[in-house]
Amino acid sequence: MEHNEDFDRRYRAVQSRDRRFDGQFYTAVSSTKIYCRPSCPAQTPKPENVTFFSTSAAAHEHGYRACKRCLPDATPGAPEWNIRQDLAGRAMRLIREGAMNDGGVRTLSARLGYSSRHLHRTLTAELGAGPLALARAHRMHLARSLLVSTQMSITDVAFASGFSSVRQFNATASTLFDATPREIRQHAHRGSQASPGRPVDQKGPDAGPQLSLRLALPVREPFNAAEVFRFLDQRAIPGVESTQLDGEALVYARTLRLTHGPAAIQVTAAEVTVAPDGGDFATEVGRWQLQLDCELSSFADIPAAVAVARRIFDLDADPLAVVAALSADPALGPWVTEWPGLRMPGTADGPEYLIRAIVGQQISVVAARTQLTRLVDVLGTPLISSFAGLSRLFPTPEEILAGVPEPPSRKGPGPHVALDPERPLRLPARSISTVRIAAQALASGELQLHQGADTRALHEQLTAMPGIGQWTASYLMLRVLGDPDVWMTGDVVLVTGAKKLGILDPDLNKAAAHRALQTHAQRWSPWRSYAAMYLWKAAAQSAVRQPRKDTSS
């Protein structure tokens, strides 16, 4: 039987039980009608019995059910959906966030700007399953996690996962897992991650979220937890976000506005020592385990809360592919090898981060944080949370329009800066005007920042707005949409990092350095966003070791 190169590569991964490929594809075995993750410990099937699928939904559509031994759906998400900027990739990102739970295919199609028929045709051709099947698979994946990790009632699990009825939930579980939800729970090994998923103590009317939940967050190694938590800590807005980096575990928490009400999440990362898989290592290895604690107004917001946490920490990335590509650069390679698993931190809310990016234009991270803290203190909605350091929601575009007045007149001597101490933002008049223009576009629906947005079209729309330049638009593509191949031309910190690493001649002037770095960055595609993270880190270091020279000759 003839196979192509892609089949052979995947089959070798199955033969070696390589867990790095878990979630990137699924192995369906025709002799058993079961699909597995690549690292499944079962006997390797014969190649003539194997079909590979890019999604579990495609395996379901072809009559396969999930393996009860390796639990193929309990893996980090496929990094492909972060990379792809086509319609299929954008649709999958929205489906992962539960976009179809409240409106179905028609709502998803409208957000993407295509007809339902075209969307179904594209997803079936590209992914082997239509939007309904893809959404069903994702709901069942979340439901299995809730059944295993919490003590929520089966009814609550069904509706929290997006199913319209308990009967539909039971039928789907039986079809996909050959087990009822109760049987899935009974056979699960509960540990310290279990959470009752029950109402928290009542704090009074409209005081905040009233439901608590704890879940494990699968992560694809290597994962440089210290750096991503440090990145978030440096930009955290007090009241909206809080961090703890000096204890046994790393902690990041923040408030959210979700569909069914206010919420708060807290992600805790702890390094644990585990036995090696498959005897690949001679000694035990350290890995990070991530735990998500949620405070929600409704269990129906669980899919969105989980998606936000995974997006913020870039948990569905393919770090080994990034390392393999970037380490080929002689200058950047040693730095990448020394710091594997560096992630590209995402954002919780697109509209919020647009305002944050505009405020941060042409000022330092510290100064931007000061301005945004004042904005939140004046306009943010109070919120009571049990997570330390959380007390407010970031203001909505409507609240910003109402609370940030028009900038003062440009007439008169001196710099045109808003000096009134009572103003929420003490920025130049032009910056305040840009904030208000962006808030108006967001409030009216003219501008929409969500995971299904078209990167190129959104970039053009942003740069067409007064006061938003190429750098800001590109930065938003990196942080909000998670585009892995963004390059921010004109970023002086990137140039500083490149000079420290020896990528650029330190004597180059500003304009020549930017041109040279932009040209050099082409070799890092399609991972230029991750290369930027390494250069930012290099620039932040007080001293960077030079790459070791090969003296073996």
Protein backbone atom coordinates (compact mmCIF):
# COMPACT_ATOMS: atom_id res chain seq x y z
CA MET A 1 0.00 0.00 0.00
CA GLU A 2 1.50 3.35 -1.04
CA HIS A 3 1.70 6.22 1.42
CA ASN A 4 2.78 9.81 1.02
CA GLU A 5 5.49 11.52 3.00
CA ASP A 6 3.02 13.03 5.46
CA PHE A 7 1.55 9.59 6.24
CA ASP A 8 5.01 8.12 6.80
CA ARG A 9 6.00 10.94 9.13
CA ARG A 10 2.86 10.52 11.20
CA TYR A 11 3.18 6.74 11.29
CA ARG A 12 6.76 7.05 12.61
CA ALA A 13 5.41 9.26 15.38
CA VAL A 14 2.87 6.55 16.25
CA GLN A 15 5.55 3.85 16.22
CA SER A 16 7.68 5.85 18.67
CA ARG A 17 4.61 6.84 20.75
CA ASP A 18 5.74 10.45 20.52
CA ARG A 19 3.50 12.50 22.82
CA ARG A 20 4.67 15.74 21.14
CA PHE A 21 2.16 15.05 18.37
CA ASP A 22 -0.83 14.49 20.69
CA GLY A 23 -3.67 16.74 19.58
CA GLN A 24 -2.02 17.52 16.24
CA PHE A 25 -3.60 14.53 14.51
CA TYR A 26 -5.57 11.38 15.38
CA THR A 27 -4.86 7.76 14.46
CA ALA A 28 -7.95 5.82 13.35
CA VAL A 29 -7.69 2.02 13.12
CA SER A 30 -10.13 0.33 10.76
CA SER A 31 -9.81 -3.11 12.40
CA THR A 32 -11.06 -1.80 15.76
CA LYS A 33 -13.03 1.30 14.65
CA ILE A 34 -11.21 3.24 17.38
CA TYR A 35 -9.16 6.42 17.09
CA CYS A 36 -6.21 7.22 19.39
CA ARG A 37 -3.65 9.84 20.15
CA PRO A 38 -0.18 9.21 18.60
CA SER A 39 1.31 8.30 21.98
CA CYS A 40 -1.28 5.61 22.77
CA PRO A 41 0.50 2.73 24.59
CA ALA A 42 -1.52 0.09 22.71
CA GLN A 43 0.15 -2.12 20.12
CA THR A 44 1.06 -0.17 16.99
CA PRO A 45 -1.52 -0.94 14.27
CA LYS A 46 -0.52 -2.10 10.82
CA PRO A 47 -0.16 0.78 8.38
CA GLU A 48 -2.76 -0.67 6.02
CA ASN A 49 -5.33 -0.35 8.84
CA VAL A 50 -4.49 3.25 9.69
CA THR A 51 -6.12 6.50 8.59
CA PHE A 52 -5.00 9.86 10.00
CA PHE A 53 -7.45 12.68 10.71
CA SER A 54 -6.68 16.28 11.59
CA THR A 55 -9.72 16.55 13.89
CA SER A 56 -11.52 14.14 16.18
CA ALA A 57 -14.77 15.25 14.54
CA ALA A 58 -13.58 13.85 11.22
CA ALA A 59 -12.88 10.51 12.91
CA HIS A 60 -16.39 10.60 14.43
CA GLU A 61 -17.92 11.30 11.02
CA HIS A 62 -16.20 8.19 9.63
CA GLY A 63 -17.62 5.95 12.35
CA TYR A 64 -14.72 5.81 14.82
CA ARG A 65 -15.01 6.19 18.59
CA ALA A 66 -12.44 7.45 21.07
CA CYS A 67 -9.97 5.08 22.70
CA LYS A 68 -10.76 4.54 26.39
CA ARG A 69 -7.12 3.86 27.16
CA CYS A 70 -5.34 6.95 25.83
CA LEU A 71 -8.31 9.40 25.88
CA PRO A 72 -7.33 11.22 22.66
CA ASP A 73 -9.60 14.19 23.37
CA ALA A 74 -7.86 14.97 26.69
CA THR A 75 -4.91 16.69 24.98
CA PRO A 76 -3.84 20.26 24.20
CA GLY A 77 -5.58 21.68 21.16
CA ALA A 78 -4.08 21.43 17.70
CA PRO A 79 -1.60 24.29 17.07
CA GLU A 80 -2.76 24.31 13.45
CA TRP A 81 -5.74 26.51 14.33
CA ASN A 82 -3.43 29.20 15.73
CA ILE A 83 -1.30 29.17 12.57
CA ARG A 84 -3.97 29.09 9.90
CA GLN A 85 -5.49 32.42 8.97
CA ASP A 86 -7.90 30.98 6.39
CA LEU A 87 -11.64 30.47 6.90
CA ALA A 88 -11.21 26.98 8.38
CA GLY A 89 -8.68 28.17 10.97
CA ARG A 90 -10.76 31.19 11.95
CA ALA A 91 -13.90 29.03 12.26
CA MET A 92 -12.12 26.52 14.49
CA ARG A 93 -10.92 29.27 16.83
CA LEU A 94 -14.50 30.50 17.26
CA ILE A 95 -15.86 26.98 17.72
CA ARG A 96 -13.30 26.37 20.49
CA GLU A 97 -14.70 29.43 22.30
CA GLY A 98 -18.25 28.06 22.18
CA ALA A 99 -19.45 30.48 19.49
CA MET A 100 -22.07 27.97 18.30
CA ASN A 101 -23.55 27.25 21.71
CA ASP A 102 -25.94 30.21 21.64
CA GLY A 103 -26.70 30.57 17.94
CA GLY A 104 -25.62 27.57 15.88
CA VAL A 105 -24.19 27.56 12.38
CA ARG A 106 -26.02 30.71 11.30
CA THR A 107 -24.43 32.79 14.08
CA LEU A 108 -20.97 31.38 13.35
CA SER A 109 -21.35 32.09 9.63
CA ALA A 110 -22.45 35.66 10.27
CA ARG A 111 -19.45 36.39 12.46
CA LEU A 112 -17.14 35.04 9.77
CA GLY A 113 -18.92 36.89 6.96
CA TYR A 114 -19.88 33.87 4.85
CA SER A 115 -23.03 31.92 4.12
CA SER A 116 -23.79 28.78 6.13
CA ARG A 117 -23.57 26.67 2.97
CA HIS A 118 -20.13 27.99 2.04
CA LEU A 119 -18.86 27.52 5.59
CA HIS A 120 -20.10 23.90 5.71
CA ARG A 121 -18.59 23.15 2.32
CA THR A 122 -15.21 24.65 3.28
CA LEU A 123 -14.92 22.92 6.66
CA THR A 124 -15.97 19.55 5.23
CA ALA A 125 -13.38 19.82 2.46
CA GLU A 126 -10.58 21.13 4.71
CA LEU A 127 -11.21 19.30 7.99
CA GLY A 128 -13.35 16.29 7.09
CA ALA A 129 -16.36 17.46 9.11
CA GLY A 130 -18.92 20.27 9.06
CA PRO A 131 -19.39 22.94 11.75
CA LEU A 132 -22.05 20.97 13.65
CA ALA A 133 -19.81 17.91 13.94
CA LEU A 134 -16.81 20.02 14.93
CA ALA A 135 -18.82 21.82 17.60
CA ARG A 136 -20.21 18.53 18.90
CA ALA A 137 -16.71 17.09 19.25
CA HIS A 138 -15.48 20.16 21.10
CA ARG A 139 -18.49 20.12 23.44
CA MET A 140 -17.86 16.48 24.26
CA HIS A 141 -14.18 17.16 24.88
CA LEU A 142 -15.10 19.86 27.40
CA ALA A 143 -17.82 17.69 28.92
CA ARG A 144 -15.37 14.83 29.48
CA SER A 145 -13.02 17.23 31.25
CA LEU A 146 -15.84 18.46 33.49
CA LEU A 147 -16.98 14.91 34.28
CA VAL A 148 -13.46 13.88 35.24
CA SER A 149 -12.32 17.03 37.04
CA THR A 150 -15.43 18.21 38.87
CA GLN A 151 -18.41 16.93 40.80
CA MET A 152 -20.89 18.99 38.81
CA SER A 153 -24.16 17.20 38.17
CA ILE A 154 -24.47 15.53 34.79
CA THR A 155 -27.27 17.93 33.92
CA ASP A 156 -25.05 20.94 34.69
CA VAL A 157 -22.21 19.40 32.67
CA ALA A 158 -24.50 18.91 29.69
CA PHE A 159 -25.69 22.51 29.52
CA ALA A 160 -22.31 23.99 30.51
CA SER A 161 -20.70 22.17 27.59
CA GLY A 162 -23.22 23.57 25.11
CA PHE A 163 -25.60 20.63 24.66
CA SER A 164 -29.25 21.56 24.28
CA SER A 165 -30.51 18.66 26.38
CA VAL A 166 -29.31 15.87 28.66
CA ARG A 167 -30.70 13.34 26.18
CA GLN A 168 -28.53 14.79 23.42
CA PHE A 169 -25.54 14.72 25.78
CA ASN A 170 -26.08 11.05 26.66
CA ALA A 171 -26.52 10.06 23.02
CA THR A 172 -23.35 11.91 21.96
CA ALA A 173 -21.28 10.36 24.76
CA SER A 174 -22.46 6.89 23.82
CA THR A 175 -21.66 7.46 20.15
CA LEU A 176 -18.24 9.04 20.60
CA PHE A 177 -16.95 7.27 23.70
CA ASP A 178 -19.10 4.12 23.83
CA ALA A 179 -19.96 5.06 27.41
CA THR A 180 -22.58 7.10 29.22
CA PRO A 181 -21.54 10.26 31.08
CA ARG A 182 -22.02 8.45 34.36
CA GLU A 183 -19.74 5.62 33.23
CA ILE A 184 -17.09 8.14 32.10
CA ARG A 185 -17.14 9.70 35.55
CA GLN A 186 -17.09 6.37 37.39
CA HIS A 187 -14.00 5.20 35.52
CA ALA A 188 -12.12 8.48 35.91
CA HIS A 189 -9.29 8.74 38.39
CA ARG A 190 -10.06 11.71 40.54
CA GLY A 191 -7.14 13.54 42.15
CA SER A 192 -6.36 16.83 43.72
CA GLN A 193 -7.73 18.59 40.64
CA ALA A 194 -11.32 17.64 41.47
CA SER A 195 -13.62 20.53 42.25
CA PRO A 196 -17.20 20.45 43.48
CA GLY A 197 -18.38 22.96 40.90
CA ARG A 198 -20.88 24.42 43.33
CA PRO A 199 -22.14 27.90 44.20
CA VAL A 200 -19.70 30.00 46.21
CA ASP A 201 -20.76 32.01 49.23
CA GLN A 202 -23.34 34.63 48.29
CA LYS A 203 -21.95 38.17 48.45
CA GLY A 204 -25.10 40.18 47.90
CA PRO A 205 -27.00 41.20 44.76
CA ASP A 206 -24.86 41.85 41.68
CA ALA A 207 -21.70 41.58 43.77
CA GLY A 208 -19.99 39.28 41.31
CA PRO A 209 -19.86 35.75 39.96
CA GLN A 210 -21.58 33.13 42.11
CA LEU A 211 -20.31 29.78 40.78
CA SER A 212 -16.87 28.26 41.29
CA LEU A 213 -15.04 25.61 39.30
CA ARG A 214 -11.59 24.06 39.01
CA LEU A 215 -10.12 22.36 35.93
CA ALA A 216 -6.75 21.10 34.74
CA LEU A 217 -5.27 22.80 31.67
CA PRO A 218 -3.32 20.40 29.42
CA VAL A 219 -0.13 21.97 28.09
CA ARG A 220 2.27 20.89 25.35
CA GLU A 221 5.87 20.79 26.57
CA PRO A 222 8.30 22.47 26.64
CA PHE A 223 6.51 25.32 28.38
CA ASN A 224 8.49 28.26 29.76
CA ALA A 225 6.04 29.20 32.48
CA ALA A 226 8.34 31.65 34.27
CA GLU A 227 8.70 33.91 31.24
CA VAL A 228 5.03 34.06 30.26
CA PHE A 229 3.98 34.81 33.86
CA ARG A 230 6.69 37.50 34.07
CA PHE A 231 5.50 39.05 30.79
CA LEU A 232 1.92 39.22 32.12
CA ASP A 233 3.08 40.54 35.50
CA GLN A 234 4.89 43.50 33.92
CA ARG A 235 1.72 44.58 32.10
CA ALA A 236 -0.89 43.68 34.72
CA ILE A 237 -3.43 46.40 35.61
CA PRO A 238 -4.12 46.39 39.39
CA GLY A 239 -7.71 45.45 40.17
CA VAL A 240 -8.28 43.87 36.75
CA GLU A 241 -5.27 41.56 36.96
CA SER A 242 -3.05 40.20 39.72
CA THR A 243 0.05 38.02 39.80
CA GLN A 244 2.16 36.11 42.28
CA LEU A 245 5.62 35.02 41.18
CA ASP A 246 7.53 34.50 44.41
CA GLY A 247 5.81 31.45 45.89
CA GLU A 248 6.06 27.73 45.21
CA ALA A 249 3.65 28.19 42.30
CA LEU A 250 3.13 30.94 39.72
CA VAL A 251 -0.27 32.64 39.80
CA TYR A 252 -2.09 34.92 37.37
CA ALA A 253 -5.69 36.07 37.86
CA ARG A 254 -7.97 38.51 36.08
CA THR A 255 -11.58 39.65 35.81
CA LEU A 256 -13.66 39.05 32.68
CA ARG A 257 -16.88 40.12 31.02
CA LEU A 258 -18.46 36.98 29.58
CA THR A 259 -21.75 36.41 27.77
CA HIS A 260 -23.77 35.57 30.86
CA GLY A 261 -22.20 38.02 33.31
CA PRO A 262 -19.00 39.04 35.12
CA ALA A 263 -16.38 36.39 35.86
CA ALA A 264 -12.88 35.89 37.18
CA ILE A 265 -10.25 33.27 36.43
CA GLN A 266 -7.04 32.27 38.14
CA VAL A 267 -4.32 30.14 36.53
CA THR A 268 -1.78 28.44 38.76
CA ALA A 269 1.37 26.79 37.39
CA ALA A 270 3.36 24.32 39.49
CA GLU A 271 6.46 22.45 38.38
CA VAL A 272 6.32 18.73 39.11
CA THR A 273 8.72 15.87 38.56
CA VAL A 274 7.25 13.04 36.53
CA ALA A 275 8.44 9.71 35.23
CA PRO A 276 9.63 9.79 31.61
CA ASP A 277 7.29 8.57 28.88
CA GLY A 278 8.19 5.43 27.02
CA GLY A 279 11.72 5.32 28.37
CA ASP A 280 12.80 8.23 26.19
CA PHE A 281 14.77 9.83 29.03
CA ALA A 282 17.31 8.32 31.35
CA THR A 283 16.11 10.35 34.32
CA GLU A 284 12.91 11.89 35.55
CA VAL A 285 11.98 15.25 34.06
CA GLY A 286 10.31 18.40 35.35
CA ARG A 287 7.08 19.57 33.75
CA TRP A 288 4.54 22.24 34.42
CA GLN A 289 1.02 21.45 35.54
CA LEU A 290 -1.53 24.22 35.08
CA GLN A 291 -4.76 24.57 37.01
CA LEU A 292 -7.65 26.85 36.17
CA ASP A 293 -9.97 28.18 38.87
CA CYS A 294 -13.09 29.99 37.66
CA GLU A 295 -15.70 32.20 39.29
CA LEU A 296 -18.64 32.45 36.90
CA SER A 297 -22.10 33.94 36.69
CA SER A 298 -23.28 30.89 34.72
CA PHE A 299 -21.84 27.47 33.92
CA ALA A 300 -22.71 28.27 30.30
CA ASP A 301 -19.63 30.54 30.30
CA ILE A 302 -17.23 27.66 30.98
CA PRO A 303 -16.21 27.20 27.30
CA ALA A 304 -15.35 30.88 26.99
CA ALA A 305 -13.43 30.95 30.29
CA VAL A 306 -11.35 27.92 29.33
CA ALA A 307 -10.67 29.39 25.88
CA VAL A 308 -9.51 32.67 27.43
CA ALA A 309 -7.09 30.88 29.76
CA ARG A 310 -5.65 28.76 26.95
CA ARG A 311 -5.31 31.82 24.73
CA ILE A 312 -3.59 33.97 27.36
CA PHE A 313 -0.93 31.31 27.96
CA ASP A 314 -0.69 30.14 24.34
CA LEU A 315 -1.24 26.55 25.50
CA ASP A 316 -2.09 25.16 22.06
CA ALA A 317 1.20 26.26 20.50
CA ASP A 318 3.72 23.85 18.94
CA PRO A 319 6.91 24.88 20.80
CA LEU A 320 9.08 22.21 19.20
CA ALA A 321 8.25 23.44 15.71
CA VAL A 322 9.15 26.98 16.81
CA VAL A 323 12.45 25.84 18.32
CA ALA A 324 13.32 23.76 15.26
CA ALA A 325 12.74 26.69 12.89
CA LEU A 326 14.32 29.51 14.90
CA SER A 327 17.32 27.54 16.16
CA ALA A 328 18.50 27.25 12.53
CA ASP A 329 19.53 30.91 12.72
CA PRO A 330 23.20 30.97 13.86
CA ALA A 331 22.72 34.16 15.90
CA LEU A 332 19.28 33.51 17.39
CA GLY A 333 19.67 29.73 17.70
CA PRO A 334 21.72 29.56 20.93
CA TRP A 335 19.25 31.88 22.65
CA VAL A 336 16.29 29.76 21.49
CA THR A 337 18.00 26.55 22.59
CA GLU A 338 18.69 28.02 26.02
CA TRP A 339 15.08 29.20 26.46
CA PRO A 340 12.86 26.60 24.78
CA GLY A 341 9.11 26.80 25.14
CA LEU A 342 8.85 30.59 25.16
CA ARG A 343 5.20 31.43 24.47
CA MET A 344 3.38 34.33 22.86
CA PRO A 345 1.00 35.63 25.56
CA GLY A 346 -2.49 36.32 24.30
CA THR A 347 -5.25 38.55 25.59
CA ALA A 348 -8.56 38.00 27.31
CA ASP A 349 -10.63 40.54 25.40
CA GLY A 350 -9.97 42.13 22.01
CA PRO A 351 -11.77 45.49 22.58
CA GLU A 352 -10.04 45.92 25.94
CA TYR A 353 -6.64 45.36 24.44
CA LEU A 354 -7.23 47.76 21.59
CA ILE A 355 -7.69 50.53 24.17
CA ARG A 356 -4.64 49.31 26.08
CA ALA A 357 -2.50 49.28 22.93
CA ILE A 358 -3.56 52.82 21.95
CA VAL A 359 -2.80 54.15 25.43
CA GLY A 360 0.60 52.43 25.31
CA GLN A 361 1.67 53.98 21.99
CA GLN A 362 4.97 55.86 22.23
CA ILE A 363 5.25 55.53 26.00
CA SER A 364 6.90 52.93 28.21
CA VAL A 365 5.21 49.85 29.61
CA VAL A 366 5.38 51.39 33.10
CA ALA A 367 3.83 54.66 31.97
CA ALA A 368 1.06 52.86 30.09
CA ARG A 369 0.30 50.78 33.15
CA THR A 370 -0.02 53.97 35.24
CA GLN A 371 -2.44 55.52 32.77
CA LEU A 372 -4.56 52.37 32.49
CA THR A 373 -4.67 51.92 36.26
CA ARG A 374 -6.13 55.41 36.59
CA LEU A 375 -8.65 54.67 33.82
CA VAL A 376 -9.80 51.50 35.60
CA ASP A 377 -9.97 53.19 39.01
CA VAL A 378 -12.22 55.93 37.63
CA LEU A 379 -14.40 54.04 35.13
CA GLY A 380 -14.08 50.33 35.99
CA THR A 381 -17.06 48.47 37.46
CA PRO A 382 -16.43 47.15 41.01
CA LEU A 383 -16.37 43.36 41.38
CA ILE A 384 -15.99 41.14 44.43
CA SER A 385 -13.80 38.08 43.89
CA SER A 386 -12.14 35.57 46.19
CA PHE A 387 -8.98 35.77 44.04
CA ALA A 388 -6.45 38.09 45.65
CA GLY A 389 -5.97 41.45 43.96
CA LEU A 390 -9.10 41.45 41.80
CA SER A 391 -11.65 44.21 42.36
CA ARG A 392 -12.72 45.75 39.04
CA LEU A 393 -13.79 45.05 35.48
CA PHE A 394 -12.06 46.89 32.66
CA PRO A 395 -14.45 49.59 31.34
CA THR A 396 -16.50 48.84 28.25
CA PRO A 397 -16.23 50.99 25.09
CA GLU A 398 -19.52 52.64 26.07
CA GLU A 399 -18.17 53.47 29.54
CA ILE A 400 -14.98 54.89 28.03
CA LEU A 401 -16.98 57.10 25.65
CA ALA A 402 -19.05 58.40 28.55
CA GLY A 403 -16.14 58.81 30.98
CA VAL A 404 -13.28 60.05 28.80
CA PRO A 405 -14.17 63.58 27.65
CA GLU A 406 -13.17 65.13 24.37
CA PRO A 407 -9.58 66.43 24.48
CA PRO A 408 -9.05 70.11 25.28
CA SER A 409 -8.86 72.66 22.54
CA ARG A 410 -5.60 72.92 20.64
CA LYS A 411 -5.74 76.71 20.86
CA GLY A 412 -3.34 78.51 23.11
CA PRO A 413 0.36 78.24 23.93
CA GLY A 414 2.23 75.22 25.24
CA PRO A 415 1.94 71.49 24.60
CA HIS A 416 -1.58 70.25 23.97
CA VAL A 417 -1.72 67.76 26.82
CA ALA A 418 -4.65 66.94 29.06
CA LEU A 419 -3.31 68.17 32.40
CA ASP A 420 -6.57 68.15 34.37
CA PRO A 421 -5.88 65.79 37.30
CA GLU A 422 -9.50 64.66 37.27
CA ARG A 423 -9.29 63.26 33.74
CA PRO A 424 -9.07 59.45 33.53
CA LEU A 425 -6.35 59.67 30.88
CA ARG A 426 -3.62 62.30 31.05
CA LEU A 427 -2.38 61.88 27.50
CA PRO A 428 -1.80 64.16 24.52
CA ALA A 429 -5.01 65.33 22.87
CA ARG A 430 -4.33 63.23 19.79
CA SER A 431 -4.05 60.04 21.86
CA ILE A 432 -7.28 60.78 23.69
CA SER A 433 -9.03 61.38 20.36
CA THR A 434 -7.79 58.02 19.09
CA VAL A 435 -9.07 56.27 22.22
CA ARG A 436 -12.51 57.82 21.71
CA ILE A 437 -12.57 57.02 17.98
CA ALA A 438 -11.70 53.37 18.71
CA ALA A 439 -14.27 53.15 21.51
CA GLN A 440 -16.95 54.58 19.21
CA ALA A 441 -16.12 52.06 16.46
CA LEU A 442 -16.28 49.21 18.97
CA ALA A 443 -19.52 50.40 20.57
CA SER A 444 -21.26 50.79 17.21
CA GLY A 445 -20.10 47.39 15.94
CA GLU A 446 -18.20 48.98 13.04
CA LEU A 447 -15.01 47.41 14.42
CA GLN A 448 -15.04 43.83 15.75
CA LEU A 449 -12.05 42.16 17.37
CA HIS A 450 -12.67 38.45 17.91
CA GLN A 451 -10.86 35.19 17.21
CA GLY A 452 -12.61 34.72 13.89
CA ALA A 453 -11.52 38.07 12.45
CA ASP A 454 -9.63 38.13 9.16
CA THR A 455 -6.10 39.24 10.04
CA ARG A 456 -5.36 41.17 6.87
CA ALA A 457 -8.73 42.92 6.72
CA LEU A 458 -8.61 43.86 10.41
CA HIS A 459 -5.07 45.19 10.05
CA GLU A 460 -6.16 47.44 7.19
CA GLN A 461 -9.22 48.61 9.10
CA LEU A 462 -7.13 49.53 12.14
CA THR A 463 -4.45 51.43 10.23
CA ALA A 464 -7.15 53.41 8.43
CA MET A 465 -8.26 54.84 11.78
CA PRO A 466 -6.65 58.16 12.80
CA GLY A 467 -3.83 57.70 15.30
CA ILE A 468 -3.29 53.95 14.86
CA GLY A 469 -0.07 53.11 13.10
CA GLN A 470 1.41 49.98 11.55
CA TRP A 471 3.17 48.96 14.76
CA THR A 472 0.04 49.10 16.91
CA ALA A 473 -2.03 47.16 14.36
CA SER A 474 0.66 44.50 14.04
CA TYR A 475 1.00 44.21 17.82
CA LEU A 476 -2.75 43.63 18.09
CA MET A 477 -2.54 40.88 15.45
CA LEU A 478 0.13 39.21 17.59
CA ARG A 479 -1.52 39.58 21.00
CA VAL A 480 -5.27 39.52 20.20
CA LEU A 481 -5.45 37.13 17.23
CA GLY A 482 -2.37 35.08 18.10
CA ASP A 483 -0.94 35.39 14.58
CA PRO A 484 2.43 33.57 14.78
CA ASP A 485 3.96 35.38 11.80
CA VAL A 486 3.69 39.08 12.62
CA TRP A 487 6.61 41.50 12.27
CA MET A 488 6.43 44.91 13.96
CA THR A 489 8.49 47.20 11.76
CA GLY A 490 9.85 50.16 13.69
CA ASP A 491 10.00 48.47 17.10
CA VAL A 492 13.15 49.90 18.72
CA VAL A 493 13.23 47.15 21.37
CA LEU A 494 13.46 44.49 18.67
CA VAL A 495 16.45 46.31 17.20
CA THR A 496 18.06 46.53 20.65
CA GLY A 497 17.62 42.79 21.16
CA ALA A 498 18.95 42.00 17.69
CA LYS A 499 22.08 44.07 18.31
CA LYS A 500 22.68 42.36 21.66
CA LEU A 501 22.46 38.96 20.02
CA GLY A 502 24.79 39.94 17.20
CA ILE A 503 22.12 39.77 14.51
CA LEU A 504 22.72 43.44 13.59
CA ASP A 505 25.81 45.58 13.42
CA PRO A 506 25.68 47.76 16.56
CA ASP A 507 26.90 50.76 14.56
CA LEU A 508 23.92 50.80 12.17
CA ASN A 509 21.79 53.91 12.36
CA LYS A 510 18.11 53.69 13.28
CA ALA A 511 16.62 53.54 9.78
CA ALA A 512 19.22 51.12 8.42
CA ALA A 513 18.84 48.85 11.46
CA HIS A 514 15.07 48.57 11.02
CA ARG A 515 15.43 47.76 7.32
CA ALA A 516 18.15 45.19 7.94
CA LEU A 517 16.20 43.49 10.74
CA GLN A 518 13.00 43.35 8.69
CA THR A 519 14.93 41.66 5.88
CA HIS A 520 16.64 39.26 8.28
CA ALA A 521 13.30 38.38 9.92
CA GLN A 522 12.02 36.88 6.66
CA ARG A 523 14.04 33.74 7.41
CA TRP A 524 12.07 33.26 10.64
CA SER A 525 8.70 33.01 8.87
CA PRO A 526 6.16 31.59 9.75
CA TRP A 527 7.28 32.11 13.36
CA ARG A 528 8.29 35.78 13.36
CA SER A 529 5.99 36.57 16.30
CA TYR A 530 7.86 34.05 18.44
CA ALA A 531 11.19 35.42 17.21
CA ALA A 532 10.02 38.83 18.44
CA MET A 533 9.40 37.34 21.89
CA TYR A 534 13.02 36.12 21.99
CA LEU A 535 14.37 39.50 20.87
CA TRP A 536 12.25 41.32 23.47
CA LYS A 537 13.63 39.00 26.12
CA ALA A 538 17.19 39.57 24.92
CA ALA A 539 16.69 43.33 25.06
CA ALA A 540 15.44 43.07 28.64
CA GLN A 541 18.51 41.20 29.82
CA SER A 542 21.26 43.31 31.39
CA ALA A 543 23.89 41.10 29.81
CA VAL A 544 23.57 38.46 27.14
CA ARG A 545 26.13 35.73 26.70
CA GLN A 546 27.57 35.55 23.22
CA PRO A 547 26.85 32.36 21.26
CA ARG A 548 29.49 29.74 21.94
CA LYS A 549 31.91 29.25 19.10
CA ASP A 550 32.60 25.77 17.77
CA THR A 551 36.18 24.97 18.77
CA SER A 552 36.05 21.28 17.97
CA SER A 553 38.27 21.73 14.91
